[in-house]
PDB file of all heavy atoms in Angstrom:
ATOM      1  N   ARG A   1     -22.797   2.081  12.011  1.00  0.00           N
ATOM      2  CA  ARG A   1     -23.082   1.562  10.684  1.00  0.00           C
ATOM      3  C   ARG A   1     -21.794   1.114   9.962  1.00  0.00           C
ATOM      4  O   ARG A   1     -21.835   0.043   9.311  1.00  0.00           O
ATOM      5  CB  ARG A   1     -23.698   2.667   9.857  1.00  0.00           C
ATOM      6  CG  ARG A   1     -24.224   2.266   8.437  1.00  0.00           C
ATOM      7  CD  ARG A   1     -24.698   3.506   7.651  1.00  0.00           C
ATOM      8  NE  ARG A   1     -23.649   4.377   7.381  1.00  0.00           N
ATOM      9  CZ  ARG A   1     -23.829   5.575   6.827  1.00  0.00           C
ATOM     10  NH1 ARG A   1     -25.026   6.047   6.582  1.00  0.00           N
ATOM     11  NH2 ARG A   1     -22.781   6.406   6.543  1.00  0.00           N
ATOM     12  N   GLU A   2     -20.753   1.819  10.029  1.00  0.00           N
ATOM     13  CA  GLU A   2     -19.458   1.404   9.399  1.00  0.00           C
ATOM     14  C   GLU A   2     -18.941   0.187  10.073  1.00  0.00           C
ATOM     15  O   GLU A   2     -18.372  -0.729   9.334  1.00  0.00           O
ATOM     16  CB  GLU A   2     -18.430   2.552   9.522  1.00  0.00           C
ATOM     17  CG  GLU A   2     -17.213   2.293   8.744  1.00  0.00           C
ATOM     18  CD  GLU A   2     -17.441   2.441   7.228  1.00  0.00           C
ATOM     19  OE1 GLU A   2     -18.530   2.808   6.762  1.00  0.00           O
ATOM     20  OE2 GLU A   2     -16.427   2.271   6.488  1.00  0.00           O
ATOM     21  N   ALA A   3     -19.060   0.060  11.406  1.00  0.00           N
ATOM     22  CA  ALA A   3     -18.572  -1.172  12.132  1.00  0.00           C
ATOM     23  C   ALA A   3     -19.357  -2.437  11.623  1.00  0.00           C
ATOM     24  O   ALA A   3     -18.745  -3.555  11.523  1.00  0.00           O
ATOM     25  CB  ALA A   3     -18.707  -0.961  13.619  1.00  0.00           C
ATOM     26  N   GLU A   4     -20.618  -2.222  11.417  1.00  0.00           N
ATOM     27  CA  GLU A   4     -21.386  -3.393  10.911  1.00  0.00           C
ATOM     28  C   GLU A   4     -21.070  -3.777   9.465  1.00  0.00           C
ATOM     29  O   GLU A   4     -21.074  -4.957   9.126  1.00  0.00           O
ATOM     30  CB  GLU A   4     -22.897  -3.000  11.005  1.00  0.00           C
ATOM     31  CG  GLU A   4     -23.827  -4.161  10.536  1.00  0.00           C
ATOM     32  CD  GLU A   4     -25.283  -3.790  10.713  1.00  0.00           C
ATOM     33  OE1 GLU A   4     -25.524  -2.675  11.122  1.00  0.00           O
ATOM     34  OE2 GLU A   4     -26.191  -4.611  10.426  1.00  0.00           O
ATOM     35  N   HIS A   5     -20.681  -2.755   8.638  1.00  0.00           N
ATOM     36  CA  HIS A   5     -20.421  -2.958   7.249  1.00  0.00           C
ATOM     37  C   HIS A   5     -19.047  -3.533   7.037  1.00  0.00           C
ATOM     38  O   HIS A   5     -18.857  -4.294   6.016  1.00  0.00           O
ATOM     39  CB  HIS A   5     -20.612  -1.654   6.536  1.00  0.00           C
ATOM     40  CG  HIS A   5     -20.206  -1.674   5.085  1.00  0.00           C
ATOM     41  ND1 HIS A   5     -20.833  -2.340   4.091  1.00  0.00           N
ATOM     42  CD2 HIS A   5     -19.172  -0.982   4.470  1.00  0.00           C
ATOM     43  CE1 HIS A   5     -20.254  -2.199   2.974  1.00  0.00           C
ATOM     44  NE2 HIS A   5     -19.249  -1.361   3.128  1.00  0.00           N
ATOM     45  N   ARG A   6     -18.070  -3.231   7.914  1.00  0.00           N
ATOM     46  CA  ARG A   6     -16.661  -3.612   7.619  1.00  0.00           C
ATOM     47  C   ARG A   6     -16.272  -4.795   8.399  1.00  0.00           C
ATOM     48  O   ARG A   6     -16.657  -4.956   9.662  1.00  0.00           O
ATOM     49  CB  ARG A   6     -15.774  -2.485   7.967  1.00  0.00           C
ATOM     50  CG  ARG A   6     -16.018  -1.164   7.240  1.00  0.00           C
ATOM     51  CD  ARG A   6     -15.610  -1.235   5.734  1.00  0.00           C
ATOM     52  NE  ARG A   6     -15.553   0.115   5.214  1.00  0.00           N
ATOM     53  CZ  ARG A   6     -15.225   0.360   3.935  1.00  0.00           C
ATOM     54  NH1 ARG A   6     -14.932  -0.646   3.066  1.00  0.00           N
ATOM     55  NH2 ARG A   6     -15.105   1.587   3.455  1.00  0.00           N
ATOM     56  N   SER A   7     -15.481  -5.664   7.892  1.00  0.00           N
ATOM     57  CA  SER A   7     -14.847  -6.781   8.640  1.00  0.00           C
ATOM     58  C   SER A   7     -13.667  -6.237   9.474  1.00  0.00           C
ATOM     59  O   SER A   7     -13.131  -5.179   9.156  1.00  0.00           O
ATOM     60  CB  SER A   7     -14.430  -7.938   7.758  1.00  0.00           C
ATOM     61  OG  SER A   7     -13.341  -7.456   6.904  1.00  0.00           O
ATOM     62  N   TYR A   8     -13.217  -7.022  10.423  1.00  0.00           N
ATOM     63  CA  TYR A   8     -11.980  -6.658  11.199  1.00  0.00           C
ATOM     64  C   TYR A   8     -10.809  -6.548  10.242  1.00  0.00           C
ATOM     65  O   TYR A   8      -9.997  -5.595  10.398  1.00  0.00           O
ATOM     66  CB  TYR A   8     -11.696  -7.682  12.233  1.00  0.00           C
ATOM     67  CG  TYR A   8     -12.585  -7.589  13.468  1.00  0.00           C
ATOM     68  CD1 TYR A   8     -13.477  -8.588  13.755  1.00  0.00           C
ATOM     69  CD2 TYR A   8     -12.494  -6.547  14.397  1.00  0.00           C
ATOM     70  CE1 TYR A   8     -14.305  -8.523  14.839  1.00  0.00           C
ATOM     71  CE2 TYR A   8     -13.287  -6.489  15.518  1.00  0.00           C
ATOM     72  CZ  TYR A   8     -14.198  -7.475  15.711  1.00  0.00           C
ATOM     73  OH  TYR A   8     -15.025  -7.373  16.805  1.00  0.00           O
ATOM     74  N   GLU A   9     -10.729  -7.455   9.293  1.00  0.00           N
ATOM     75  CA  GLU A   9      -9.618  -7.425   8.371  1.00  0.00           C
ATOM     76  C   GLU A   9      -9.608  -6.123   7.455  1.00  0.00           C
ATOM     77  O   GLU A   9      -8.491  -5.536   7.216  1.00  0.00           O
ATOM     78  CB  GLU A   9      -9.684  -8.632   7.472  1.00  0.00           C
ATOM     79  CG  GLU A   9      -9.363 -10.012   8.097  1.00  0.00           C
ATOM     80  CD  GLU A   9     -10.562 -10.481   8.961  1.00  0.00           C
ATOM     81  OE1 GLU A   9     -11.711  -9.933   8.762  1.00  0.00           O
ATOM     82  OE2 GLU A   9     -10.357 -11.451   9.755  1.00  0.00           O
ATOM     83  N   LYS A  10     -10.804  -5.783   7.008  1.00  0.00           N
ATOM     84  CA  LYS A  10     -10.885  -4.517   6.256  1.00  0.00           C
ATOM     85  C   LYS A  10     -10.618  -3.334   7.036  1.00  0.00           C
ATOM     86  O   LYS A  10      -9.847  -2.391   6.520  1.00  0.00           O
ATOM     87  CB  LYS A  10     -12.316  -4.499   5.624  1.00  0.00           C
ATOM     88  CG  LYS A  10     -12.471  -3.257   4.669  1.00  0.00           C
ATOM     89  CD  LYS A  10     -11.486  -3.361   3.518  1.00  0.00           C
ATOM     90  CE  LYS A  10     -11.577  -2.150   2.557  1.00  0.00           C
ATOM     91  NZ  LYS A  10     -10.646  -2.290   1.398  1.00  0.00           N
ATOM     92  N   ILE A  11     -11.014  -3.222   8.228  1.00  0.00           N
ATOM     93  CA  ILE A  11     -10.686  -2.074   9.083  1.00  0.00           C
ATOM     94  C   ILE A  11      -9.198  -1.940   9.273  1.00  0.00           C
ATOM     95  O   ILE A  11      -8.595  -0.883   9.198  1.00  0.00           O
ATOM     96  CB  ILE A  11     -11.416  -2.100  10.458  1.00  0.00           C
ATOM     97  CG1 ILE A  11     -12.914  -2.077  10.243  1.00  0.00           C
ATOM     98  CG2 ILE A  11     -10.939  -0.965  11.370  1.00  0.00           C
ATOM     99  CD1 ILE A  11     -13.783  -2.378  11.512  1.00  0.00           C
ATOM    100  N   GLU A  12      -8.594  -3.065   9.511  1.00  0.00           N
ATOM    101  CA  GLU A  12      -7.098  -3.139   9.653  1.00  0.00           C
ATOM    102  C   GLU A  12      -6.412  -2.664   8.392  1.00  0.00           C
ATOM    103  O   GLU A  12      -5.415  -1.912   8.333  1.00  0.00           O
ATOM    104  CB  GLU A  12      -6.653  -4.502  10.083  1.00  0.00           C
ATOM    105  CG  GLU A  12      -5.121  -4.640  10.302  1.00  0.00           C
ATOM    106  CD  GLU A  12      -4.641  -3.794  11.483  1.00  0.00           C
ATOM    107  OE1 GLU A  12      -5.444  -3.552  12.381  1.00  0.00           O
ATOM    108  OE2 GLU A  12      -3.419  -3.380  11.424  1.00  0.00           O
ATOM    109  N   GLU A  13      -6.940  -3.097   7.253  1.00  0.00           N
ATOM    110  CA  GLU A  13      -6.390  -2.752   5.926  1.00  0.00           C
ATOM    111  C   GLU A  13      -6.532  -1.265   5.760  1.00  0.00           C
ATOM    112  O   GLU A  13      -5.601  -0.530   5.229  1.00  0.00           O
ATOM    113  CB  GLU A  13      -7.135  -3.487   4.789  1.00  0.00           C
ATOM    114  CG  GLU A  13      -6.576  -3.098   3.387  1.00  0.00           C
ATOM    115  CD  GLU A  13      -7.419  -3.782   2.328  1.00  0.00           C
ATOM    116  OE1 GLU A  13      -8.293  -4.556   2.623  1.00  0.00           O
ATOM    117  OE2 GLU A  13      -7.187  -3.356   1.093  1.00  0.00           O
ATOM    118  N   ILE A  14      -7.578  -0.622   6.183  1.00  0.00           N
ATOM    119  CA  ILE A  14      -7.805   0.781   5.999  1.00  0.00           C
ATOM    120  C   ILE A  14      -6.853   1.585   6.941  1.00  0.00           C
ATOM    121  O   ILE A  14      -6.226   2.554   6.518  1.00  0.00           O
ATOM    122  CB  ILE A  14      -9.262   1.117   6.361  1.00  0.00           C
ATOM    123  CG1 ILE A  14     -10.196   0.626   5.294  1.00  0.00           C
ATOM    124  CG2 ILE A  14      -9.456   2.668   6.536  1.00  0.00           C
ATOM    125  CD1 ILE A  14     -11.646   0.730   5.599  1.00  0.00           C
ATOM    126  N   LEU A  15      -6.716   1.088   8.136  1.00  0.00           N
ATOM    127  CA  LEU A  15      -5.739   1.732   9.083  1.00  0.00           C
ATOM    128  C   LEU A  15      -4.334   1.697   8.539  1.00  0.00           C
ATOM    129  O   LEU A  15      -3.604   2.682   8.681  1.00  0.00           O
ATOM    130  CB  LEU A  15      -5.860   1.108  10.498  1.00  0.00           C
ATOM    131  CG  LEU A  15      -7.180   1.395  11.261  1.00  0.00           C
ATOM    132  CD1 LEU A  15      -7.239   0.517  12.528  1.00  0.00           C
ATOM    133  CD2 LEU A  15      -7.241   2.893  11.622  1.00  0.00           C
ATOM    134  N   GLN A  16      -3.933   0.578   7.956  1.00  0.00           N
ATOM    135  CA  GLN A  16      -2.635   0.451   7.335  1.00  0.00           C
ATOM    136  C   GLN A  16      -2.525   1.368   6.149  1.00  0.00           C
ATOM    137  O   GLN A  16      -1.418   1.952   5.853  1.00  0.00           O
ATOM    138  CB  GLN A  16      -2.400  -0.935   6.900  1.00  0.00           C
ATOM    139  CG  GLN A  16      -2.180  -1.902   8.086  1.00  0.00           C
ATOM    140  CD  GLN A  16      -2.037  -3.375   7.659  1.00  0.00           C
ATOM    141  OE1 GLN A  16      -2.046  -3.665   6.441  1.00  0.00           O
ATOM    142  NE2 GLN A  16      -1.877  -4.230   8.586  1.00  0.00           N
ATOM    143  N   ALA A  17      -3.609   1.575   5.389  1.00  0.00           N
ATOM    144  CA  ALA A  17      -3.585   2.559   4.248  1.00  0.00           C
ATOM    145  C   ALA A  17      -3.228   3.937   4.668  1.00  0.00           C
ATOM    146  O   ALA A  17      -2.545   4.670   3.995  1.00  0.00           O
ATOM    147  CB  ALA A  17      -4.928   2.449   3.478  1.00  0.00           C
ATOM    148  N   PHE A  18      -3.752   4.337   5.814  1.00  0.00           N
ATOM    149  CA  PHE A  18      -3.471   5.641   6.321  1.00  0.00           C
ATOM    150  C   PHE A  18      -1.991   5.810   6.649  1.00  0.00           C
ATOM    151  O   PHE A  18      -1.385   6.867   6.362  1.00  0.00           O
ATOM    152  CB  PHE A  18      -4.320   5.977   7.583  1.00  0.00           C
ATOM    153  CG  PHE A  18      -5.777   6.063   7.357  1.00  0.00           C
ATOM    154  CD1 PHE A  18      -6.633   5.486   8.309  1.00  0.00           C
ATOM    155  CD2 PHE A  18      -6.291   6.652   6.213  1.00  0.00           C
ATOM    156  CE1 PHE A  18      -8.072   5.591   8.074  1.00  0.00           C
ATOM    157  CE2 PHE A  18      -7.640   6.703   5.987  1.00  0.00           C
ATOM    158  CZ  PHE A  18      -8.528   6.190   6.943  1.00  0.00           C
ATOM    159  N   GLU A  19      -1.423   4.799   7.276  1.00  0.00           N
ATOM    160  CA  GLU A  19       0.003   4.827   7.579  1.00  0.00           C
ATOM    161  C   GLU A  19       0.884   4.854   6.387  1.00  0.00           C
ATOM    162  O   GLU A  19       1.870   5.524   6.268  1.00  0.00           O
ATOM    163  CB  GLU A  19       0.431   3.626   8.496  1.00  0.00           C
ATOM    164  CG  GLU A  19      -0.113   3.739   9.881  1.00  0.00           C
ATOM    165  CD  GLU A  19       0.242   5.045  10.618  1.00  0.00           C
ATOM    166  OE1 GLU A  19       1.419   5.306  10.607  1.00  0.00           O
ATOM    167  OE2 GLU A  19      -0.674   5.698  11.169  1.00  0.00           O
ATOM    168  N   LYS A  20       0.464   4.003   5.340  1.00  0.00           N
ATOM    169  CA  LYS A  20       1.220   3.996   4.105  1.00  0.00           C
ATOM    170  C   LYS A  20       1.159   5.402   3.399  1.00  0.00           C
ATOM    171  O   LYS A  20       2.170   5.837   2.830  1.00  0.00           O
ATOM    172  CB  LYS A  20       0.676   2.916   3.131  1.00  0.00           C
ATOM    173  CG  LYS A  20       0.918   1.537   3.567  1.00  0.00           C
ATOM    174  CD  LYS A  20       0.220   0.534   2.633  1.00  0.00           C
ATOM    175  CE  LYS A  20       0.514  -0.937   3.089  1.00  0.00           C
ATOM    176  NZ  LYS A  20      -0.216  -1.902   2.279  1.00  0.00           N
ATOM    177  N   ALA A  21      -0.060   6.010   3.493  1.00  0.00           N
ATOM    178  CA  ALA A  21      -0.088   7.333   2.854  1.00  0.00           C
ATOM    179  C   ALA A  21       0.800   8.353   3.520  1.00  0.00           C
ATOM    180  O   ALA A  21       1.409   9.144   2.779  1.00  0.00           O
ATOM    181  CB  ALA A  21      -1.563   7.801   2.970  1.00  0.00           C
ATOM    182  N   LYS A  22       0.942   8.374   4.777  1.00  0.00           N
ATOM    183  CA  LYS A  22       1.802   9.261   5.458  1.00  0.00           C
ATOM    184  C   LYS A  22       3.250   8.939   5.142  1.00  0.00           C
ATOM    185  O   LYS A  22       4.103   9.844   4.920  1.00  0.00           O
ATOM    186  CB  LYS A  22       1.590   9.176   6.984  1.00  0.00           C
ATOM    187  CG  LYS A  22       0.270   9.829   7.476  1.00  0.00           C
ATOM    188  CD  LYS A  22       0.236  10.029   8.910  1.00  0.00           C
ATOM    189  CE  LYS A  22       0.124   8.754   9.728  1.00  0.00           C
ATOM    190  NZ  LYS A  22      -0.042   9.055  11.213  1.00  0.00           N
ATOM    191  N   MET A  23       3.598   7.665   4.941  1.00  0.00           N
ATOM    192  CA  MET A  23       4.972   7.305   4.545  1.00  0.00           C
ATOM    193  C   MET A  23       5.274   7.733   3.163  1.00  0.00           C
ATOM    194  O   MET A  23       6.394   8.251   2.846  1.00  0.00           O
ATOM    195  CB  MET A  23       5.155   5.752   4.744  1.00  0.00           C
ATOM    196  CG  MET A  23       5.207   5.278   6.155  1.00  0.00           C
ATOM    197  SD  MET A  23       5.264   3.474   6.280  1.00  0.00           S
ATOM    198  CE  MET A  23       6.813   3.154   5.419  1.00  0.00           C
ATOM    199  N   ARG A  24       4.307   7.568   2.253  1.00  0.00           N
ATOM    200  CA  ARG A  24       4.462   8.018   0.913  1.00  0.00           C
ATOM    201  C   ARG A  24       4.713   9.571   0.833  1.00  0.00           C
ATOM    202  O   ARG A  24       5.460  10.002   0.060  1.00  0.00           O
ATOM    203  CB  ARG A  24       3.295   7.579   0.017  1.00  0.00           C
ATOM    204  CG  ARG A  24       3.277   6.055  -0.248  1.00  0.00           C
ATOM    205  CD  ARG A  24       2.143   5.718  -1.077  1.00  0.00           C
ATOM    206  NE  ARG A  24       2.002   4.266  -1.361  1.00  0.00           N
ATOM    207  CZ  ARG A  24       1.032   3.463  -1.073  1.00  0.00           C
ATOM    208  NH1 ARG A  24      -0.021   3.944  -0.504  1.00  0.00           N
ATOM    209  NH2 ARG A  24       1.146   2.134  -1.363  1.00  0.00           N
ATOM    210  N   LEU A  25       3.923  10.256   1.515  1.00  0.00           N
ATOM    211  CA  LEU A  25       4.064  11.677   1.554  1.00  0.00           C
ATOM    212  C   LEU A  25       5.421  12.088   2.079  1.00  0.00           C
ATOM    213  O   LEU A  25       6.038  13.018   1.552  1.00  0.00           O
ATOM    214  CB  LEU A  25       2.938  12.354   2.448  1.00  0.00           C
ATOM    215  CG  LEU A  25       1.572  12.277   1.810  1.00  0.00           C
ATOM    216  CD1 LEU A  25       0.545  12.744   2.859  1.00  0.00           C
ATOM    217  CD2 LEU A  25       1.459  13.139   0.611  1.00  0.00           C
ATOM    218  N   LYS A  26       5.859  11.444   3.117  1.00  0.00           N
ATOM    219  CA  LYS A  26       7.200  11.733   3.668  1.00  0.00           C
ATOM    220  C   LYS A  26       8.299  11.463   2.583  1.00  0.00           C
ATOM    221  O   LYS A  26       9.300  12.110   2.540  1.00  0.00           O
ATOM    222  CB  LYS A  26       7.453  10.922   4.911  1.00  0.00           C
ATOM    223  CG  LYS A  26       8.780  11.161   5.561  1.00  0.00           C
ATOM    224  CD  LYS A  26       9.023  10.368   6.794  1.00  0.00           C
ATOM    225  CE  LYS A  26       8.228  10.820   7.990  1.00  0.00           C
ATOM    226  NZ  LYS A  26       8.618  10.132   9.258  1.00  0.00           N
ATOM    227  N   ALA A  27       8.060  10.413   1.786  1.00  0.00           N
ATOM    228  CA  ALA A  27       9.029  10.093   0.712  1.00  0.00           C
ATOM    229  C   ALA A  27       8.878  10.934  -0.558  1.00  0.00           C
ATOM    230  O   ALA A  27       9.399  10.537  -1.552  1.00  0.00           O
ATOM    231  CB  ALA A  27       8.992   8.556   0.424  1.00  0.00           C
ATOM    232  N   ASN A  28       7.956  11.979  -0.470  1.00  0.00           N
ATOM    233  CA  ASN A  28       7.749  12.891  -1.558  1.00  0.00           C
ATOM    234  C   ASN A  28       7.072  12.193  -2.798  1.00  0.00           C
ATOM    235  O   ASN A  28       7.295  12.597  -3.935  1.00  0.00           O
ATOM    236  CB  ASN A  28       9.024  13.542  -2.025  1.00  0.00           C
ATOM    237  CG  ASN A  28       9.472  14.536  -1.051  1.00  0.00           C
ATOM    238  OD1 ASN A  28       8.721  15.170  -0.340  1.00  0.00           O
ATOM    239  ND2 ASN A  28      10.832  14.698  -0.896  1.00  0.00           N
ATOM    240  N   VAL A  29       6.246  11.130  -2.544  1.00  0.00           N
ATOM    241  CA  VAL A  29       5.473  10.565  -3.520  1.00  0.00           C
ATOM    242  C   VAL A  29       4.307  11.562  -3.908  1.00  0.00           C
ATOM    243  O   VAL A  29       3.865  12.357  -3.093  1.00  0.00           O
ATOM    244  CB  VAL A  29       4.786   9.219  -3.189  1.00  0.00           C
ATOM    245  CG1 VAL A  29       3.865   8.697  -4.193  1.00  0.00           C
ATOM    246  CG2 VAL A  29       5.887   8.200  -2.842  1.00  0.00           C
ATOM    247  N   SER A  30       3.957  11.622  -5.197  1.00  0.00           N
ATOM    248  CA  SER A  30       2.876  12.513  -5.662  1.00  0.00           C
ATOM    249  C   SER A  30       1.680  12.545  -4.712  1.00  0.00           C
ATOM    250  O   SER A  30       1.159  11.535  -4.293  1.00  0.00           O
ATOM    251  CB  SER A  30       2.424  12.112  -7.025  1.00  0.00           C
ATOM    252  OG  SER A  30       1.158  12.657  -7.396  1.00  0.00           O
ATOM    253  N   PHE A  31       1.245  13.812  -4.372  1.00  0.00           N
ATOM    254  CA  PHE A  31       0.019  13.986  -3.496  1.00  0.00           C
ATOM    255  C   PHE A  31      -1.147  13.263  -4.039  1.00  0.00           C
ATOM    256  O   PHE A  31      -1.850  12.455  -3.457  1.00  0.00           O
ATOM    257  CB  PHE A  31      -0.239  15.492  -3.283  1.00  0.00           C
ATOM    258  CG  PHE A  31      -1.526  15.723  -2.547  1.00  0.00           C
ATOM    259  CD1 PHE A  31      -1.554  15.719  -1.193  1.00  0.00           C
ATOM    260  CD2 PHE A  31      -2.731  15.896  -3.239  1.00  0.00           C
ATOM    261  CE1 PHE A  31      -2.697  15.926  -0.484  1.00  0.00           C
ATOM    262  CE2 PHE A  31      -3.890  16.141  -2.518  1.00  0.00           C
ATOM    263  CZ  PHE A  31      -3.879  16.164  -1.095  1.00  0.00           C
ATOM    264  N   ASP A  32      -1.457  13.455  -5.384  1.00  0.00           N
ATOM    265  CA  ASP A  32      -2.607  12.865  -6.038  1.00  0.00           C
ATOM    266  C   ASP A  32      -2.542  11.299  -6.016  1.00  0.00           C
ATOM    267  O   ASP A  32      -3.522  10.653  -5.715  1.00  0.00           O
ATOM    268  CB  ASP A  32      -2.758  13.349  -7.456  1.00  0.00           C
ATOM    269  CG  ASP A  32      -3.312  14.724  -7.557  1.00  0.00           C
ATOM    270  OD1 ASP A  32      -3.627  15.389  -6.423  1.00  0.00           O
ATOM    271  OD2 ASP A  32      -3.533  15.281  -8.654  1.00  0.00           O
ATOM    272  N   VAL A  33      -1.409  10.752  -6.301  1.00  0.00           N
ATOM    273  CA  VAL A  33      -1.264   9.296  -6.300  1.00  0.00           C
ATOM    274  C   VAL A  33      -1.416   8.774  -4.947  1.00  0.00           C
ATOM    275  O   VAL A  33      -2.094   7.741  -4.727  1.00  0.00           O
ATOM    276  CB  VAL A  33       0.144   8.902  -6.860  1.00  0.00           C
ATOM    277  CG1 VAL A  33       0.408   7.423  -6.661  1.00  0.00           C
ATOM    278  CG2 VAL A  33       0.289   9.274  -8.362  1.00  0.00           C
ATOM    279  N   THR A  34      -0.817   9.419  -3.937  1.00  0.00           N
ATOM    280  CA  THR A  34      -0.937   8.967  -2.532  1.00  0.00           C
ATOM    281  C   THR A  34      -2.373   8.938  -2.119  1.00  0.00           C
ATOM    282  O   THR A  34      -2.887   7.969  -1.468  1.00  0.00           O
ATOM    283  CB  THR A  34      -0.114   9.871  -1.677  1.00  0.00           C
ATOM    284  OG1 THR A  34       1.262   9.782  -2.042  1.00  0.00           O
ATOM    285  CG2 THR A  34      -0.249   9.457  -0.172  1.00  0.00           C
ATOM    286  N   MET A  35      -3.066  10.068  -2.354  1.00  0.00           N
ATOM    287  CA  MET A  35      -4.481  10.188  -1.954  1.00  0.00           C
ATOM    288  C   MET A  35      -5.395   9.186  -2.657  1.00  0.00           C
ATOM    289  O   MET A  35      -6.301   8.594  -2.056  1.00  0.00           O
ATOM    290  CB  MET A  35      -5.026  11.604  -2.070  1.00  0.00           C
ATOM    291  CG  MET A  35      -4.348  12.624  -1.230  1.00  0.00           C
ATOM    292  SD  MET A  35      -4.590  12.368   0.576  1.00  0.00           S
ATOM    293  CE  MET A  35      -3.110  11.652   1.034  1.00  0.00           C
ATOM    294  N   GLU A  36      -5.202   9.028  -3.893  1.00  0.00           N
ATOM    295  CA  GLU A  36      -6.039   8.034  -4.769  1.00  0.00           C
ATOM    296  C   GLU A  36      -5.830   6.679  -4.206  1.00  0.00           C
ATOM    297  O   GLU A  36      -6.852   5.951  -4.071  1.00  0.00           O
ATOM    298  CB  GLU A  36      -5.643   8.159  -6.136  1.00  0.00           C
ATOM    299  CG  GLU A  36      -6.212   9.465  -6.852  1.00  0.00           C
ATOM    300  CD  GLU A  36      -5.814   9.442  -8.336  1.00  0.00           C
ATOM    301  OE1 GLU A  36      -5.396   8.434  -8.868  1.00  0.00           O
ATOM    302  OE2 GLU A  36      -6.072  10.536  -8.963  1.00  0.00           O
ATOM    303  N   LEU A  37      -4.650   6.254  -3.902  1.00  0.00           N
ATOM    304  CA  LEU A  37      -4.460   4.932  -3.396  1.00  0.00           C
ATOM    305  C   LEU A  37      -5.151   4.750  -2.036  1.00  0.00           C
ATOM    306  O   LEU A  37      -5.751   3.658  -1.706  1.00  0.00           O
ATOM    307  CB  LEU A  37      -2.950   4.607  -3.269  1.00  0.00           C
ATOM    308  CG  LEU A  37      -2.132   4.448  -4.576  1.00  0.00           C
ATOM    309  CD1 LEU A  37      -0.669   4.418  -4.322  1.00  0.00           C
ATOM    310  CD2 LEU A  37      -2.588   3.163  -5.292  1.00  0.00           C
ATOM    311  N   MET A  38      -5.041   5.781  -1.198  1.00  0.00           N
ATOM    312  CA  MET A  38      -5.677   5.688   0.130  1.00  0.00           C
ATOM    313  C   MET A  38      -7.169   5.613   0.012  1.00  0.00           C
ATOM    314  O   MET A  38      -7.820   4.838   0.691  1.00  0.00           O
ATOM    315  CB  MET A  38      -5.233   6.916   0.971  1.00  0.00           C
ATOM    316  CG  MET A  38      -5.815   6.886   2.396  1.00  0.00           C
ATOM    317  SD  MET A  38      -5.325   8.452   3.262  1.00  0.00           S
ATOM    318  CE  MET A  38      -6.586   9.565   2.497  1.00  0.00           C
ATOM    319  N   LEU A  39      -7.703   6.529  -0.833  1.00  0.00           N
ATOM    320  CA  LEU A  39      -9.175   6.557  -0.998  1.00  0.00           C
ATOM    321  C   LEU A  39      -9.738   5.298  -1.651  1.00  0.00           C
ATOM    322  O   LEU A  39     -10.853   4.880  -1.317  1.00  0.00           O
ATOM    323  CB  LEU A  39      -9.581   7.851  -1.779  1.00  0.00           C
ATOM    324  CG  LEU A  39      -9.265   9.131  -1.110  1.00  0.00           C
ATOM    325  CD1 LEU A  39      -9.530  10.295  -1.983  1.00  0.00           C
ATOM    326  CD2 LEU A  39     -10.091   9.299   0.199  1.00  0.00           C
ATOM    327  N   LEU A  40      -8.995   4.702  -2.584  1.00  0.00           N
ATOM    328  CA  LEU A  40      -9.411   3.465  -3.123  1.00  0.00           C
ATOM    329  C   LEU A  40      -9.559   2.384  -2.112  1.00  0.00           C
ATOM    330  O   LEU A  40     -10.496   1.469  -2.223  1.00  0.00           O
ATOM    331  CB  LEU A  40      -8.473   3.004  -4.205  1.00  0.00           C
ATOM    332  CG  LEU A  40      -8.559   3.744  -5.550  1.00  0.00           C
ATOM    333  CD1 LEU A  40      -7.404   3.427  -6.512  1.00  0.00           C
ATOM    334  CD2 LEU A  40      -9.933   3.438  -6.294  1.00  0.00           C
ATOM    335  N   THR A  41      -8.739   2.353  -1.131  1.00  0.00           N
ATOM    336  CA  THR A  41      -8.767   1.377  -0.042  1.00  0.00           C
ATOM    337  C   THR A  41     -10.172   1.628   0.754  1.00  0.00           C
ATOM    338  O   THR A  41     -10.784   0.693   1.174  1.00  0.00           O
ATOM    339  CB  THR A  41      -7.606   1.516   0.914  1.00  0.00           C
ATOM    340  OG1 THR A  41      -6.465   1.322   0.157  1.00  0.00           O
ATOM    341  CG2 THR A  41      -7.728   0.376   1.955  1.00  0.00           C
TER     342      THR A  41
END
């Protein structure tokens, strides 16, 4: 269902959002800010 709903570009954007979230956490960016940005994607 998710594969039908999402474009290739959007799936790639989501996968990149996960990597950005891990980088932000490593850089001690606020947990709430990091998670909100990831979940908004």
